Amino acid sequence: MKNQKKIFFITATNTDIGKTKACEIFLKKFAKKGKKVGYFKPIETGVSDKPNDGMKMLNLTKKLNSDFQATIDDVVPYKFKLPASPFVASKNTKINVNFIKEKANYLLKFCDILIIEGAGGLMVPITKSYFMIDLIKEFTCKTILISPSALGSINDTLLSQQALKNANIKFDWYINLYKNKKNFKKITLPFYKEYFDEINYL
């Protein structure tokens, strides 16, 4: 039976939460299982010379899958200098969602599993009325939500999960233990243990 192509969309409760780190972990995880992996970051902002996240993940992907013959322009088709939301950073450049979908389909030619990394959180605007959560809905994919371990993460986590549920988007949830790690067990984890049946960590 022919392998079915799969897409995983990595999103987070906010920016600087660990989406790229999560992409790295999942790329290695699937590659270890013998899958041909691919990576796609449709929009990267804060790019002064080259897209750092995109380049790092492209180099890793090529090490894990020698068949992944994509360029940085394929992997990160939209690159903007201003470190802001795509709507603000793009200025007069129109972000074409159909073009993004075409790029994803092109990259799927080189892999069994394509990891897509979003920009910022779910409600980050791509256009005035089109948000990152809307882009997720364009794909038949499994969504992975990343939360931080810092104080205040409960609110952001529950709001993000509710947004995904309201949009009928199926998702898995992982905590990135990288901020306030020592206090996490005392400040945040007690609620998570009471509220959730299962807790996953990166």
Protein backbone atom coordinates (compact mmCIF):
# COMPACT_ATOMS: atom_id res chain seq x y z
CA MET A 1 0.00 0.00 0.00
CA LYS A 2 1.34 3.42 -0.97
CA ASN A 3 2.38 5.71 1.90
CA GLN A 4 -0.15 8.43 2.55
CA LYS A 5 1.24 11.94 2.68
CA LYS A 6 0.66 13.69 6.00
CA ILE A 7 0.91 17.30 7.15
CA PHE A 8 1.53 18.48 10.69
CA PHE A 9 1.02 22.17 11.45
CA ILE A 10 3.06 23.48 14.39
CA THR A 11 1.51 26.49 16.12
CA ALA A 12 1.85 28.04 19.56
CA THR A 13 0.13 30.17 22.16
CA ASN A 14 2.30 33.15 21.16
CA THR A 15 5.62 34.09 19.58
CA ASP A 16 8.96 32.87 20.96
CA ILE A 17 7.39 29.79 22.52
CA GLY A 18 9.43 27.12 20.75
CA LYS A 19 7.74 26.29 17.45
CA THR A 20 11.06 25.87 15.64
CA LYS A 21 12.36 23.66 18.43
CA ALA A 22 9.19 21.58 18.18
CA CYS A 23 9.69 21.28 14.41
CA GLU A 24 13.21 20.00 15.01
CA ILE A 25 11.98 17.42 17.51
CA PHE A 26 9.20 16.13 15.27
CA LEU A 27 11.38 16.07 12.14
CA LYS A 28 13.90 13.87 13.98
CA LYS A 29 11.15 11.75 15.51
CA PHE A 30 9.52 10.91 12.17
CA ALA A 31 12.87 10.44 10.42
CA LYS A 32 13.88 7.94 13.10
CA LYS A 33 10.72 6.00 12.23
CA GLY A 34 11.90 5.77 8.63
CA LYS A 35 9.72 8.52 7.22
CA LYS A 36 10.92 10.96 4.59
CA VAL A 37 10.42 14.33 6.24
CA GLY A 38 9.92 17.83 4.87
CA TYR A 39 9.73 21.32 6.35
CA PHE A 40 7.76 24.43 5.37
CA LYS A 41 7.57 27.87 6.99
CA PRO A 42 5.30 29.89 4.69
CA ILE A 43 6.03 33.24 6.33
CA GLU A 44 9.05 34.36 8.35
CA THR A 45 9.40 37.91 9.65
CA GLY A 46 12.39 39.62 11.24
CA VAL A 47 14.61 38.52 8.34
CA SER A 48 17.58 40.84 7.89
CA ASP A 49 19.81 38.70 5.68
CA LYS A 50 18.43 35.19 5.54
CA PRO A 51 15.55 33.46 7.34
CA ASN A 52 17.35 31.95 10.33
CA ASP A 53 14.61 29.53 11.36
CA GLY A 54 13.98 28.45 7.79
CA MET A 55 17.66 27.92 6.99
CA LYS A 56 18.27 25.95 10.17
CA MET A 57 15.34 23.63 9.54
CA LEU A 58 16.06 23.29 5.82
CA ASN A 59 19.63 22.17 6.55
CA LEU A 60 18.38 19.70 9.15
CA THR A 61 15.68 18.37 6.83
CA LYS A 62 18.19 17.73 4.05
CA LYS A 63 20.37 15.78 6.48
CA LEU A 64 17.40 13.67 7.50
CA ASN A 65 16.00 13.28 3.97
CA SER A 66 18.43 13.43 1.06
CA ASP A 67 15.47 13.48 -1.35
CA PHE A 68 14.29 16.84 -0.04
CA GLN A 69 15.61 18.94 -2.93
CA ALA A 70 13.91 22.21 -1.98
CA THR A 71 15.50 25.65 -1.83
CA ILE A 72 15.12 28.27 0.88
CA ASP A 73 12.71 30.15 -1.41
CA ASP A 74 10.55 27.03 -1.56
CA VAL A 75 10.67 26.48 2.17
CA VAL A 76 10.19 30.14 3.17
CA PRO A 77 8.41 31.80 0.24
CA TYR A 78 7.51 34.96 2.16
CA LYS A 79 10.35 36.73 3.97
CA PHE A 80 9.96 40.14 5.60
CA LYS A 81 12.47 42.34 7.42
CA LEU A 82 10.23 43.85 10.09
CA PRO A 83 9.81 41.59 13.18
CA ALA A 84 6.05 41.96 13.30
CA SER A 85 2.89 40.14 12.28
CA PRO A 86 2.77 39.17 8.59
CA PHE A 87 0.02 41.74 8.01
CA VAL A 88 2.22 44.57 9.28
CA ALA A 89 5.58 43.23 8.05
CA SER A 90 4.37 42.54 4.51
CA LYS A 91 3.56 46.24 3.91
CA ASN A 92 2.58 46.43 0.23
CA THR A 93 3.33 42.78 -0.56
CA LYS A 94 0.20 40.70 -1.03
CA ILE A 95 0.38 37.32 0.68
CA ASN A 96 -1.28 34.80 -1.61
CA VAL A 97 -2.76 31.83 0.27
CA ASN A 98 -3.18 29.78 -2.90
CA PHE A 99 0.53 30.26 -3.61
CA ILE A 100 1.31 28.96 -0.10
CA LYS A 101 -0.86 25.90 -0.72
CA GLU A 102 0.85 25.29 -4.06
CA LYS A 103 4.25 25.43 -2.36
CA ALA A 104 3.09 22.91 0.25
CA ASN A 105 1.93 20.53 -2.47
CA TYR A 106 5.26 20.96 -4.25
CA LEU A 107 7.23 20.14 -1.09
CA LEU A 108 5.10 17.05 -0.48
CA LYS A 109 6.66 15.58 -3.63
CA PHE A 110 9.91 15.16 -1.69
CA CYS A 111 8.55 13.73 1.57
CA ASP A 112 6.04 11.50 3.32
CA ILE A 113 5.47 13.95 6.18
CA LEU A 114 5.53 17.73 5.88
CA ILE A 115 5.99 19.83 9.00
CA ILE A 116 4.53 23.33 8.58
CA GLU A 117 5.63 26.01 11.05
CA GLY A 118 3.28 28.91 11.65
CA ALA A 119 4.24 32.46 12.59
CA GLY A 120 3.38 33.63 16.08
CA GLY A 121 0.11 32.43 17.60
CA LEU A 122 -3.27 31.47 16.21
CA MET A 123 -4.70 34.97 15.91
CA VAL A 124 -1.68 36.57 14.27
CA PRO A 125 -3.02 38.46 11.23
CA ILE A 126 -1.83 37.50 7.76
CA THR A 127 -4.20 40.02 6.17
CA LYS A 128 -6.70 42.39 7.75
CA SER A 129 -9.31 39.63 8.07
CA TYR A 130 -7.32 36.41 7.66
CA PHE A 131 -5.40 34.91 10.57
CA MET A 132 -2.95 32.08 11.19
CA ILE A 133 -5.79 29.86 12.39
CA ASP A 134 -7.45 30.39 8.99
CA LEU A 135 -4.30 29.20 7.25
CA ILE A 136 -4.32 26.02 9.33
CA LYS A 137 -7.84 25.29 8.08
CA GLU A 138 -6.59 25.38 4.48
CA PHE A 139 -4.74 22.10 5.06
CA THR A 140 -5.86 18.58 5.85
CA CYS A 141 -3.51 18.26 8.76
CA LYS A 142 -2.92 17.44 12.40
CA THR A 143 -2.27 20.57 14.43
CA ILE A 144 0.25 20.66 17.26
CA LEU A 145 -0.12 23.43 19.83
CA ILE A 146 2.96 24.42 21.84
CA SER A 147 2.63 26.13 25.23
CA PRO A 148 5.37 27.60 27.43
CA SER A 149 5.99 26.74 31.06
CA ALA A 150 6.15 30.37 32.20
CA LEU A 151 3.76 32.09 34.57
CA GLY A 152 0.68 33.21 32.66
CA SER A 153 0.72 30.27 30.28
CA ILE A 154 -2.53 28.81 31.62
CA ASN A 155 -4.57 31.68 30.22
CA ASP A 156 -2.88 31.59 26.82
CA THR A 157 -3.13 27.81 26.64
CA LEU A 158 -6.84 27.65 27.39
CA LEU A 159 -7.65 30.51 25.02
CA SER A 160 -5.67 28.88 22.20
CA GLN A 161 -7.25 25.50 22.80
CA GLN A 162 -10.72 27.04 22.81
CA ALA A 163 -10.01 28.83 19.53
CA LEU A 164 -8.94 25.53 17.93
CA LYS A 165 -12.03 23.74 19.25
CA ASN A 166 -14.33 26.52 18.01
CA ALA A 167 -12.74 26.18 14.57
CA ASN A 168 -13.19 22.37 14.67
CA ILE A 169 -9.45 21.86 14.35
CA LYS A 170 -8.12 18.64 15.85
CA PHE A 171 -4.92 19.16 17.78
CA ASP A 172 -2.36 17.69 20.15
CA TRP A 173 -0.93 19.81 22.92
CA TYR A 174 2.66 19.94 24.19
CA ILE A 175 4.40 22.00 26.85
CA ASN A 176 7.85 23.38 26.12
CA LEU A 177 9.69 23.37 29.45
CA TYR A 178 12.11 26.23 28.85
CA LYS A 179 10.93 29.17 31.00
CA ASN A 180 10.44 29.19 34.77
CA LYS A 181 11.14 25.46 34.67
CA LYS A 182 11.94 25.30 38.38
CA ASN A 183 8.68 27.01 39.36
CA PHE A 184 6.50 25.25 36.78
CA LYS A 185 5.72 22.28 39.04
CA LYS A 186 4.63 24.58 41.84
CA ILE A 187 2.90 27.41 39.96
CA THR A 188 1.32 25.93 36.83
CA LEU A 189 1.39 22.14 36.85
CA PRO A 190 -1.11 21.68 39.74
CA PHE A 191 -3.90 23.18 37.64
CA TYR A 192 -2.94 21.26 34.52
CA LYS A 193 -3.05 18.00 36.49
CA GLU A 194 -6.55 18.77 37.70
CA TYR A 195 -7.86 20.09 34.38
CA PHE A 196 -6.31 17.77 31.77
CA ASP A 197 -6.44 13.99 31.53
CA GLU A 198 -3.07 13.91 29.82
CA ILE A 199 -0.08 16.26 29.67
CA ASN A 200 2.61 15.98 26.99
CA TYR A 201 6.04 17.59 26.97
CA LEU A 202 8.42 18.33 24.13
